[in-house]
Amino acid sequence: MKPPRLTEGPARGKVRAGASEPVGMLSSLSRADLARFLAEQLERRDFVHARVVVRA
């Protein structure tokens, strides 16, 4: 998993993930959103053995 720059901001609830998601120099994601995404993946397992880019 490759997240963009992580911030301390509140969760927005909007996370995009995929093998080819574009991440720019100014991309950011809150730590709360990343934590929620990771927790969901423990059950859903959509990206097992895959390189995933996560962004807001």
PDB file of N, CA and C in Angstrom:
ATOM      1  N   MET A   1       0.835  -1.161   0.000  1.00  0.00           N
ATOM      2  CA  MET A   1       0.000   0.000   0.000  1.00  0.00           C
ATOM      3  C   MET A   1       0.884   1.229   0.000  1.00  0.00           C
ATOM      4  N   LYS A   2       0.475   2.189  -0.809  1.00  0.00           N
ATOM      5  CA  LYS A   2       1.235   3.433  -0.885  1.00  0.00           C
ATOM      6  C   LYS A   2       0.277   4.615  -0.692  1.00  0.00           C
ATOM      7  N   PRO A   3       0.314   5.217   0.490  1.00  0.00           N
ATOM      8  CA  PRO A   3      -0.534   6.392   0.711  1.00  0.00           C
ATOM      9  C   PRO A   3       0.198   7.664   0.282  1.00  0.00           C
ATOM     10  N   PRO A   4      -0.549   8.738   0.035  1.00  0.00           N
ATOM     11  CA  PRO A   4       0.090  10.029  -0.220  1.00  0.00           C
ATOM     12  C   PRO A   4       0.542  10.649   1.106  1.00  0.00           C
ATOM     13  N   ARG A   5       0.825  11.924   1.112  1.00  0.00           N
ATOM     14  CA  ARG A   5       1.204  12.629   2.346  1.00  0.00           C
ATOM     15  C   ARG A   5       0.070  12.493   3.357  1.00  0.00           C
ATOM     16  N   LEU A   6       0.399  12.060   4.557  1.00  0.00           N
ATOM     17  CA  LEU A   6      -0.613  11.861   5.596  1.00  0.00           C
ATOM     18  C   LEU A   6      -0.763  13.120   6.437  1.00  0.00           C
ATOM     19  N   THR A   7      -2.007  13.439   6.793  1.00  0.00           N
ATOM     20  CA  THR A   7      -2.293  14.630   7.584  1.00  0.00           C
ATOM     21  C   THR A   7      -2.976  14.240   8.891  1.00  0.00           C
ATOM     22  N   GLU A   8      -3.034  15.174   9.802  1.00  0.00           N
ATOM     23  CA  GLU A   8      -3.694  14.988  11.095  1.00  0.00           C
ATOM     24  C   GLU A   8      -5.155  15.423  11.048  1.00  0.00           C
ATOM     25  N   GLY A   9      -5.655  15.819   9.905  1.00  0.00           N
ATOM     26  CA  GLY A   9      -7.013  16.336   9.784  1.00  0.00           C
ATOM     27  C   GLY A   9      -8.078  15.285  10.072  1.00  0.00           C
ATOM     28  N   PRO A  10      -9.330  15.729  10.153  1.00  0.00           N
ATOM     29  CA  PRO A  10     -10.434  14.801  10.421  1.00  0.00           C
ATOM     30  C   PRO A  10     -10.711  13.911   9.212  1.00  0.00           C
ATOM     31  N   ALA A  11     -11.384  12.805   9.457  1.00  0.00           N
ATOM     32  CA  ALA A  11     -11.763  11.902   8.368  1.00  0.00           C
ATOM     33  C   ALA A  11     -12.798  12.581   7.478  1.00  0.00           C
ATOM     34  N   ARG A  12     -12.635  12.427   6.191  1.00  0.00           N
ATOM     35  CA  ARG A  12     -13.600  12.960   5.230  1.00  0.00           C
ATOM     36  C   ARG A  12     -14.521  11.865   4.714  1.00  0.00           C
ATOM     37  N   GLY A  13     -14.083  10.621   4.871  1.00  0.00           N
ATOM     38  CA  GLY A  13     -14.913   9.515   4.415  1.00  0.00           C
ATOM     39  C   GLY A  13     -14.783   9.203   2.939  1.00  0.00           C
ATOM     40  N   LYS A  14     -13.890   9.896   2.251  1.00  0.00           N
ATOM     41  CA  LYS A  14     -13.704   9.673   0.820  1.00  0.00           C
ATOM     42  C   LYS A  14     -12.301   9.134   0.579  1.00  0.00           C
ATOM     43  N   VAL A  15     -12.217   7.854   0.274  1.00  0.00           N
ATOM     44  CA  VAL A  15     -10.930   7.229  -0.007  1.00  0.00           C
ATOM     45  C   VAL A  15     -11.047   6.488  -1.325  1.00  0.00           C
ATOM     46  N   ARG A  16     -10.081   6.715  -2.206  1.00  0.00           N
ATOM     47  CA  ARG A  16     -10.025   5.993  -3.473  1.00  0.00           C
ATOM     48  C   ARG A  16      -8.805   5.095  -3.424  1.00  0.00           C
ATOM     49  N   ALA A  17      -8.966   3.876  -3.902  1.00  0.00           N
ATOM     50  CA  ALA A  17      -7.854   2.927  -3.884  1.00  0.00           C
ATOM     51  C   ALA A  17      -7.867   2.106  -5.160  1.00  0.00           C
ATOM     52  N   GLY A  18      -6.685   1.798  -5.636  1.00  0.00           N
ATOM     53  CA  GLY A  18      -6.559   0.970  -6.821  1.00  0.00           C
ATOM     54  C   GLY A  18      -5.109   0.859  -7.240  1.00  0.00           C
ATOM     55  N   ALA A  19      -4.862   0.008  -8.198  1.00  0.00           N
ATOM     56  CA  ALA A  19      -3.498  -0.224  -8.659  1.00  0.00           C
ATOM     57  C   ALA A  19      -2.958   0.947  -9.464  1.00  0.00           C
ATOM     58  N   SER A  20      -3.831   1.732 -10.060  1.00  0.00           N
ATOM     59  CA  SER A  20      -3.353   2.811 -10.935  1.00  0.00           C
ATOM     60  C   SER A  20      -3.927   4.176 -10.573  1.00  0.00           C
ATOM     61  N   GLU A  21      -4.233   4.398  -9.314  1.00  0.00           N
ATOM     62  CA  GLU A  21      -4.724   5.720  -8.888  1.00  0.00           C
ATOM     63  C   GLU A  21      -3.596   6.740  -8.999  1.00  0.00           C
ATOM     64  N   PRO A  22      -3.849   7.870  -9.641  1.00  0.00           N
ATOM     65  CA  PRO A  22      -2.803   8.892  -9.723  1.00  0.00           C
ATOM     66  C   PRO A  22      -2.636   9.627  -8.395  1.00  0.00           C
ATOM     67  N   VAL A  23      -1.399   9.847  -8.009  1.00  0.00           N
ATOM     68  CA  VAL A  23      -1.099  10.596  -6.787  1.00  0.00           C
ATOM     69  C   VAL A  23      -0.148  11.716  -7.168  1.00  0.00           C
ATOM     70  N   GLY A  24      -0.605  12.949  -6.990  1.00  0.00           N
ATOM     71  CA  GLY A  24       0.214  14.104  -7.331  1.00  0.00           C
ATOM     72  C   GLY A  24       1.057  14.571  -6.163  1.00  0.00           C
ATOM     73  N   MET A  25       1.894  15.550  -6.433  1.00  0.00           N
ATOM     74  CA  MET A  25       2.785  16.100  -5.407  1.00  0.00           C
ATOM     75  C   MET A  25       2.017  16.717  -4.240  1.00  0.00           C
ATOM     76  N   LEU A  26       0.808  17.209  -4.484  1.00  0.00           N
ATOM     77  CA  LEU A  26       0.036  17.868  -3.441  1.00  0.00           C
ATOM     78  C   LEU A  26      -1.050  16.971  -2.843  1.00  0.00           C
ATOM     79  N   SER A  27      -1.083  15.703  -3.227  1.00  0.00           N
ATOM     80  CA  SER A  27      -2.090  14.773  -2.712  1.00  0.00           C
ATOM     81  C   SER A  27      -1.885  14.550  -1.217  1.00  0.00           C
ATOM     82  N   SER A  28      -2.991  14.400  -0.509  1.00  0.00           N
ATOM     83  CA  SER A  28      -2.903  14.120   0.924  1.00  0.00           C
ATOM     84  C   SER A  28      -4.087  13.256   1.332  1.00  0.00           C
ATOM     85  N   LEU A  29      -3.955  12.643   2.483  1.00  0.00           N
ATOM     86  CA  LEU A  29      -4.991  11.775   3.032  1.00  0.00           C
ATOM     87  C   LEU A  29      -4.872  11.845   4.545  1.00  0.00           C
ATOM     88  N   SER A  30      -6.002  11.950   5.218  1.00  0.00           N
ATOM     89  CA  SER A  30      -5.926  12.002   6.684  1.00  0.00           C
ATOM     90  C   SER A  30      -5.593  10.622   7.241  1.00  0.00           C
ATOM     91  N   ARG A  31      -4.905  10.621   8.338  1.00  0.00           N
ATOM     92  CA  ARG A  31      -4.572   9.354   8.992  1.00  0.00           C
ATOM     93  C   ARG A  31      -5.845   8.611   9.398  1.00  0.00           C
ATOM     94  N   ALA A  32      -6.887   9.349   9.754  1.00  0.00           N
ATOM     95  CA  ALA A  32      -8.163   8.734  10.140  1.00  0.00           C
ATOM     96  C   ALA A  32      -8.782   7.999   8.951  1.00  0.00           C
ATOM     97  N   ASP A  33      -8.743   8.602   7.761  1.00  0.00           N
ATOM     98  CA  ASP A  33      -9.277   7.938   6.570  1.00  0.00           C
ATOM     99  C   ASP A  33      -8.452   6.703   6.218  1.00  0.00           C
ATOM    100  N   LEU A  34      -7.139   6.795   6.332  1.00  0.00           N
ATOM    101  CA  LEU A  34      -6.284   5.646   6.047  1.00  0.00           C
ATOM    102  C   LEU A  34      -6.564   4.511   7.031  1.00  0.00           C
ATOM    103  N   ALA A  35      -6.717   4.834   8.312  1.00  0.00           N
ATOM    104  CA  ALA A  35      -7.005   3.817   9.322  1.00  0.00           C
ATOM    105  C   ALA A  35      -8.328   3.122   9.031  1.00  0.00           C
ATOM    106  N   ARG A  36      -9.329   3.884   8.639  1.00  0.00           N
ATOM    107  CA  ARG A  36     -10.634   3.290   8.321  1.00  0.00           C
ATOM    108  C   ARG A  36     -10.520   2.361   7.109  1.00  0.00           C
ATOM    109  N   PHE A  37      -9.793   2.802   6.086  1.00  0.00           N
ATOM    110  CA  PHE A  37      -9.599   1.978   4.896  1.00  0.00           C
ATOM    111  C   PHE A  37      -8.904   0.666   5.259  1.00  0.00           C
ATOM    112  N   LEU A  38      -7.833   0.740   6.057  1.00  0.00           N
ATOM    113  CA  LEU A  38      -7.097  -0.467   6.442  1.00  0.00           C
ATOM    114  C   LEU A  38      -7.965  -1.413   7.265  1.00  0.00           C
ATOM    115  N   ALA A  39      -8.759  -0.871   8.168  1.00  0.00           N
ATOM    116  CA  ALA A  39      -9.649  -1.707   8.982  1.00  0.00           C
ATOM    117  C   ALA A  39     -10.680  -2.412   8.109  1.00  0.00           C
ATOM    118  N   GLU A  40     -11.224  -1.700   7.129  1.00  0.00           N
ATOM    119  CA  GLU A  40     -12.197  -2.314   6.214  1.00  0.00           C
ATOM    120  C   GLU A  40     -11.563  -3.440   5.409  1.00  0.00           C
ATOM    121  N   GLN A  41     -10.311  -3.258   5.018  1.00  0.00           N
ATOM    122  CA  GLN A  41      -9.630  -4.269   4.203  1.00  0.00           C
ATOM    123  C   GLN A  41      -9.320  -5.545   4.967  1.00  0.00           C
ATOM    124  N   LEU A  42      -9.307  -5.487   6.290  1.00  0.00           N
ATOM    125  CA  LEU A  42      -9.106  -6.706   7.075  1.00  0.00           C
ATOM    126  C   LEU A  42     -10.238  -7.703   6.832  1.00  0.00           C
ATOM    127  N   GLU A  43     -11.430  -7.194   6.553  1.00  0.00           N
ATOM    128  CA  GLU A  43     -12.576  -8.058   6.286  1.00  0.00           C
ATOM    129  C   GLU A  43     -12.846  -8.232   4.799  1.00  0.00           C
ATOM    130  N   ARG A  44     -12.724  -7.166   4.023  1.00  0.00           N
ATOM    131  CA  ARG A  44     -13.064  -7.231   2.600  1.00  0.00           C
ATOM    132  C   ARG A  44     -11.981  -7.908   1.773  1.00  0.00           C
ATOM    133  N   ARG A  45     -10.718  -7.604   2.068  1.00  0.00           N
ATOM    134  CA  ARG A  45      -9.579  -8.221   1.394  1.00  0.00           C
ATOM    135  C   ARG A  45      -9.623  -8.058  -0.132  1.00  0.00           C
ATOM    136  N   ASP A  46      -9.971  -6.869  -0.593  1.00  0.00           N
ATOM    137  CA  ASP A  46     -10.033  -6.586  -2.027  1.00  0.00           C
ATOM    138  C   ASP A  46      -8.656  -6.554  -2.686  1.00  0.00           C
ATOM    139  N   PHE A  47      -7.638  -6.244  -1.915  1.00  0.00           N
ATOM    140  CA  PHE A  47      -6.325  -6.005  -2.498  1.00  0.00           C
ATOM    141  C   PHE A  47      -5.238  -6.944  -1.947  1.00  0.00           C
ATOM    142  N   VAL A  48      -5.575  -8.193  -1.719  1.00  0.00           N
ATOM    143  CA  VAL A  48      -4.600  -9.151  -1.201  1.00  0.00           C
ATOM    144  C   VAL A  48      -3.514  -9.398  -2.256  1.00  0.00           C
ATOM    145  N   HIS A  49      -2.283  -9.286  -1.862  1.00  0.00           N
ATOM    146  CA  HIS A  49      -1.109  -9.493  -2.736  1.00  0.00           C
ATOM    147  C   HIS A  49      -1.067  -8.506  -3.906  1.00  0.00           C
ATOM    148  N   ALA A  50      -1.620  -7.324  -3.707  1.00  0.00           N
ATOM    149  CA  ALA A  50      -1.619  -6.314  -4.763  1.00  0.00           C
ATOM    150  C   ALA A  50      -0.937  -5.031  -4.264  1.00  0.00           C
ATOM    151  N   ARG A  51      -0.328  -4.321  -5.180  1.00  0.00           N
ATOM    152  CA  ARG A  51       0.233  -2.994  -4.864  1.00  0.00           C
ATOM    153  C   ARG A  51      -0.907  -1.998  -5.025  1.00  0.00           C
ATOM    154  N   VAL A  52      -1.217  -1.321  -3.965  1.00  0.00           N
ATOM    155  CA  VAL A  52      -2.387  -0.432  -3.954  1.00  0.00           C
ATOM    156  C   VAL A  52      -1.970   0.998  -3.636  1.00  0.00           C
ATOM    157  N   VAL A  53      -2.505   1.925  -4.394  1.00  0.00           N
ATOM    158  CA  VAL A  53      -2.332   3.343  -4.126  1.00  0.00           C
ATOM    159  C   VAL A  53      -3.616   3.839  -3.488  1.00  0.00           C
ATOM    160  N   VAL A  54      -3.510   4.531  -2.373  1.00  0.00           N
ATOM    161  CA  VAL A  54      -4.675   5.028  -1.653  1.00  0.00           C
ATOM    162  C   VAL A  54      -4.614   6.546  -1.653  1.00  0.00           C
ATOM    163  N   ARG A  55      -5.737   7.195  -1.955  1.00  0.00           N
ATOM    164  CA  ARG A  55      -5.777   8.662  -1.948  1.00  0.00           C
ATOM    165  C   ARG A  55      -7.176   9.147  -1.609  1.00  0.00           C
ATOM    166  N   ALA A  56      -7.284  10.418  -1.281  1.00  0.00           N
ATOM    167  CA  ALA A  56      -8.577  11.017  -0.957  1.00  0.00           C
ATOM    168  C   ALA A  56      -9.291  11.426  -2.216  1.00  0.00           C
TER     169      ALA A  56
END
